[in-house]
Amino acid sequence: MENQANSKSVILNYGLYLGIISIFISLIKYATGNLYVTEFYSGIAGIILLIVFVILSIKKYKSDNGGFLTFGQGVKIGIGVSMIATIIVIIYYVLLSTVIEPDFVTNTIEAQKTMFADSFGMTEGQIEEATKNSEDNFFLSMFGGILIWNLFLGGVTSLIAAATMKKSEEETY
């Protein structure tokens, strides 16, 4: 495998595309006034996009590499794409909450309180208890959650995709 393809360019390109598309979805929600509305379709779209881009990036690397892919290369590419996209999304949310929408944290917590009351039937005391530390730890929990979720989903997807797409030179002889 002396003419191995460059995994960095695949990771950066697909991670950048995924990050930009994810930001685009959030900007559409912002422009339509649905930034604080909790719905399932944008979350499902985000999951599908992550899975699709991880699989496409692994397929692209395999085709660039003459049809060969090791399990480790596939996992590295999938997790790399997830990490690049997650970093881009986190940077966007920092800009959103500090520049574009300075009241983002307060509005998100208020929307969360409304959801707790409407969807879960929680009392005012339960809601206050649940959201007591939300403002102090908002960014840590939000960014940590985004990072953990995306890396978990990207990792599982890349494990499955790499296991099914792997092909080494030894297998061809």
Protein backbone atom coordinates (compact mmCIF):
# COMPACT_ATOMS: atom_id res chain seq x y z
CA MET A 1 0.00 0.00 0.00
CA GLU A 2 2.69 2.47 -0.97
CA ASN A 3 0.24 4.75 -2.81
CA GLN A 4 -2.21 5.17 0.02
CA ALA A 5 -4.87 7.89 -0.26
CA ASN A 6 -4.81 10.92 2.01
CA SER A 7 -7.33 10.45 4.82
CA LYS A 8 -6.91 14.04 6.09
CA SER A 9 -8.47 15.60 3.01
CA VAL A 10 -11.44 13.22 3.14
CA ILE A 11 -11.96 13.88 6.87
CA LEU A 12 -11.69 17.66 6.49
CA ASN A 13 -13.92 17.86 3.40
CA TYR A 14 -16.73 15.66 4.68
CA GLY A 15 -16.50 17.11 8.20
CA LEU A 16 -16.73 20.61 6.78
CA TYR A 17 -19.71 19.71 4.60
CA LEU A 18 -21.53 18.08 7.50
CA GLY A 19 -20.81 21.01 9.81
CA ILE A 20 -22.02 23.57 7.27
CA ILE A 21 -25.22 21.65 6.54
CA SER A 22 -25.90 21.32 10.28
CA ILE A 23 -25.44 25.08 10.71
CA PHE A 24 -27.71 25.68 7.73
CA ILE A 25 -30.49 23.66 9.42
CA SER A 26 -30.09 25.73 12.58
CA LEU A 27 -30.12 28.98 10.59
CA ILE A 28 -33.37 27.92 8.91
CA LYS A 29 -34.89 27.31 12.36
CA TYR A 30 -33.61 30.72 13.48
CA ALA A 31 -34.96 32.51 10.39
CA THR A 32 -38.38 30.90 10.75
CA GLY A 33 -38.60 31.71 14.45
CA ASN A 34 -38.41 28.07 15.52
CA LEU A 35 -35.03 28.17 17.24
CA TYR A 36 -36.54 27.44 20.64
CA VAL A 37 -39.24 25.05 19.45
CA THR A 38 -38.52 21.43 20.23
CA GLU A 39 -39.47 19.14 17.38
CA PHE A 40 -38.25 15.77 16.29
CA TYR A 41 -37.65 16.30 12.57
CA SER A 42 -34.51 18.45 12.80
CA GLY A 43 -32.99 16.02 15.30
CA ILE A 44 -33.80 13.08 13.03
CA ALA A 45 -32.40 14.99 10.05
CA GLY A 46 -29.18 15.64 11.99
CA ILE A 47 -28.80 11.96 12.87
CA ILE A 48 -29.44 10.87 9.28
CA LEU A 49 -26.98 13.47 7.95
CA LEU A 50 -24.26 12.34 10.35
CA ILE A 51 -24.74 8.69 9.42
CA VAL A 52 -24.82 9.45 5.68
CA PHE A 53 -21.70 11.65 5.75
CA VAL A 54 -19.72 9.14 7.80
CA ILE A 55 -20.61 6.34 5.38
CA LEU A 56 -19.94 8.49 2.30
CA SER A 57 -16.56 9.60 3.66
CA ILE A 58 -15.48 6.01 4.30
CA LYS A 59 -16.66 4.99 0.81
CA LYS A 60 -14.77 7.93 -0.71
CA TYR A 61 -11.55 7.00 1.08
CA LYS A 62 -11.92 3.38 0.02
CA SER A 63 -12.40 4.35 -3.63
CA ASP A 64 -9.45 6.79 -3.47
CA ASN A 65 -7.34 4.01 -1.96
CA GLY A 66 -7.80 1.61 -4.85
CA GLY A 67 -10.73 -0.22 -3.26
CA PHE A 68 -8.80 -1.10 -0.08
CA LEU A 69 -9.79 -0.14 3.44
CA THR A 70 -8.67 -1.43 6.79
CA PHE A 71 -10.98 -1.48 9.77
CA GLY A 72 -8.84 1.07 11.60
CA GLN A 73 -8.80 3.47 8.66
CA GLY A 74 -12.58 3.35 8.39
CA VAL A 75 -13.08 4.03 12.09
CA LYS A 76 -10.52 6.86 12.03
CA ILE A 77 -12.24 8.53 9.09
CA GLY A 78 -15.74 8.22 10.57
CA ILE A 79 -14.76 9.58 13.97
CA GLY A 80 -12.65 12.30 12.32
CA VAL A 81 -15.57 13.49 10.22
CA SER A 82 -17.80 13.53 13.32
CA MET A 83 -15.21 15.47 15.30
CA ILE A 84 -14.62 18.14 12.63
CA ALA A 85 -18.37 18.66 12.14
CA THR A 86 -18.91 18.85 15.91
CA ILE A 87 -16.18 21.45 16.35
CA ILE A 88 -17.74 23.56 13.59
CA VAL A 89 -21.21 23.27 15.15
CA ILE A 90 -19.88 24.19 18.61
CA ILE A 91 -18.15 27.28 17.17
CA TYR A 92 -21.42 28.23 15.52
CA TYR A 93 -23.35 27.87 18.80
CA VAL A 94 -20.77 30.02 20.59
CA LEU A 95 -21.29 32.71 17.92
CA LEU A 96 -25.06 32.25 18.06
CA SER A 97 -25.23 32.64 21.82
CA THR A 98 -22.79 35.55 22.09
CA VAL A 99 -23.21 37.57 18.89
CA ILE A 100 -26.28 36.61 16.87
CA GLU A 101 -28.74 35.89 19.71
CA PRO A 102 -27.31 37.16 23.04
CA ASP A 103 -30.40 35.97 24.94
CA PHE A 104 -29.99 32.41 23.63
CA VAL A 105 -29.27 30.86 27.04
CA THR A 106 -32.15 32.61 28.80
CA ASN A 107 -34.61 31.87 26.00
CA THR A 108 -33.53 28.23 25.80
CA ILE A 109 -34.02 27.77 29.56
CA GLU A 110 -37.45 29.43 29.38
CA ALA A 111 -38.45 27.17 26.48
CA GLN A 112 -37.22 24.20 28.52
CA LYS A 113 -39.35 25.28 31.50
CA THR A 114 -42.42 25.54 29.27
CA MET A 115 -41.72 22.09 27.82
CA PHE A 116 -41.35 20.62 31.34
CA ALA A 117 -44.69 22.08 32.37
CA ASP A 118 -46.60 21.18 29.20
CA SER A 119 -45.11 17.82 28.25
CA PHE A 120 -44.18 16.34 31.59
CA GLY A 121 -46.75 18.02 33.86
CA MET A 122 -44.09 19.13 36.33
CA THR A 123 -44.94 21.55 39.14
CA GLU A 124 -43.27 24.95 39.48
CA GLY A 125 -41.04 23.61 42.28
CA GLN A 126 -39.94 20.62 40.22
CA ILE A 127 -39.19 22.87 37.25
CA GLU A 128 -37.10 25.26 39.36
CA GLU A 129 -35.19 22.31 40.82
CA ALA A 130 -34.57 20.85 37.37
CA THR A 131 -33.35 24.14 35.89
CA LYS A 132 -31.57 25.51 38.98
CA ASN A 133 -28.04 25.02 37.67
CA SER A 134 -28.93 25.26 33.99
CA GLU A 135 -27.68 28.79 33.46
CA ASP A 136 -24.37 28.21 35.24
CA ASN A 137 -23.55 24.99 33.42
CA PHE A 138 -25.40 25.66 30.18
CA PHE A 139 -22.46 25.72 27.80
CA LEU A 140 -20.66 22.83 29.45
CA SER A 141 -23.72 20.60 29.32
CA MET A 142 -24.79 21.69 25.85
CA PHE A 143 -21.38 21.43 24.20
CA GLY A 144 -20.48 18.31 26.15
CA GLY A 145 -23.76 16.72 25.11
CA ILE A 146 -23.25 17.64 21.47
CA LEU A 147 -19.69 16.32 21.51
CA ILE A 148 -20.50 13.06 23.27
CA TRP A 149 -23.61 12.35 21.18
CA ASN A 150 -21.96 13.10 17.82
CA LEU A 151 -18.82 11.12 18.62
CA PHE A 152 -20.88 8.20 19.91
CA LEU A 153 -23.15 8.14 16.86
CA GLY A 154 -20.25 8.73 14.46
CA GLY A 155 -18.21 6.04 16.21
CA VAL A 156 -20.95 3.43 16.07
CA THR A 157 -21.67 4.26 12.45
CA SER A 158 -18.01 4.11 11.49
CA LEU A 159 -17.53 0.81 13.35
CA ILE A 160 -20.39 -0.76 11.40
CA ALA A 161 -19.40 0.82 8.08
CA ALA A 162 -15.72 -0.04 8.46
CA ALA A 163 -16.55 -3.63 9.38
CA THR A 164 -18.74 -4.07 6.32
CA MET A 165 -16.53 -2.17 3.85
CA LYS A 166 -13.08 -3.36 4.92
CA LYS A 167 -10.95 -4.96 2.26
CA SER A 168 -7.22 -5.50 2.46
CA GLU A 169 -4.67 -6.47 -0.16
CA GLU A 170 -4.14 -9.80 1.57
CA GLU A 171 -7.80 -10.70 1.03
CA THR A 172 -7.45 -10.29 -2.74
CA TYR A 173 -4.69 -12.89 -3.12
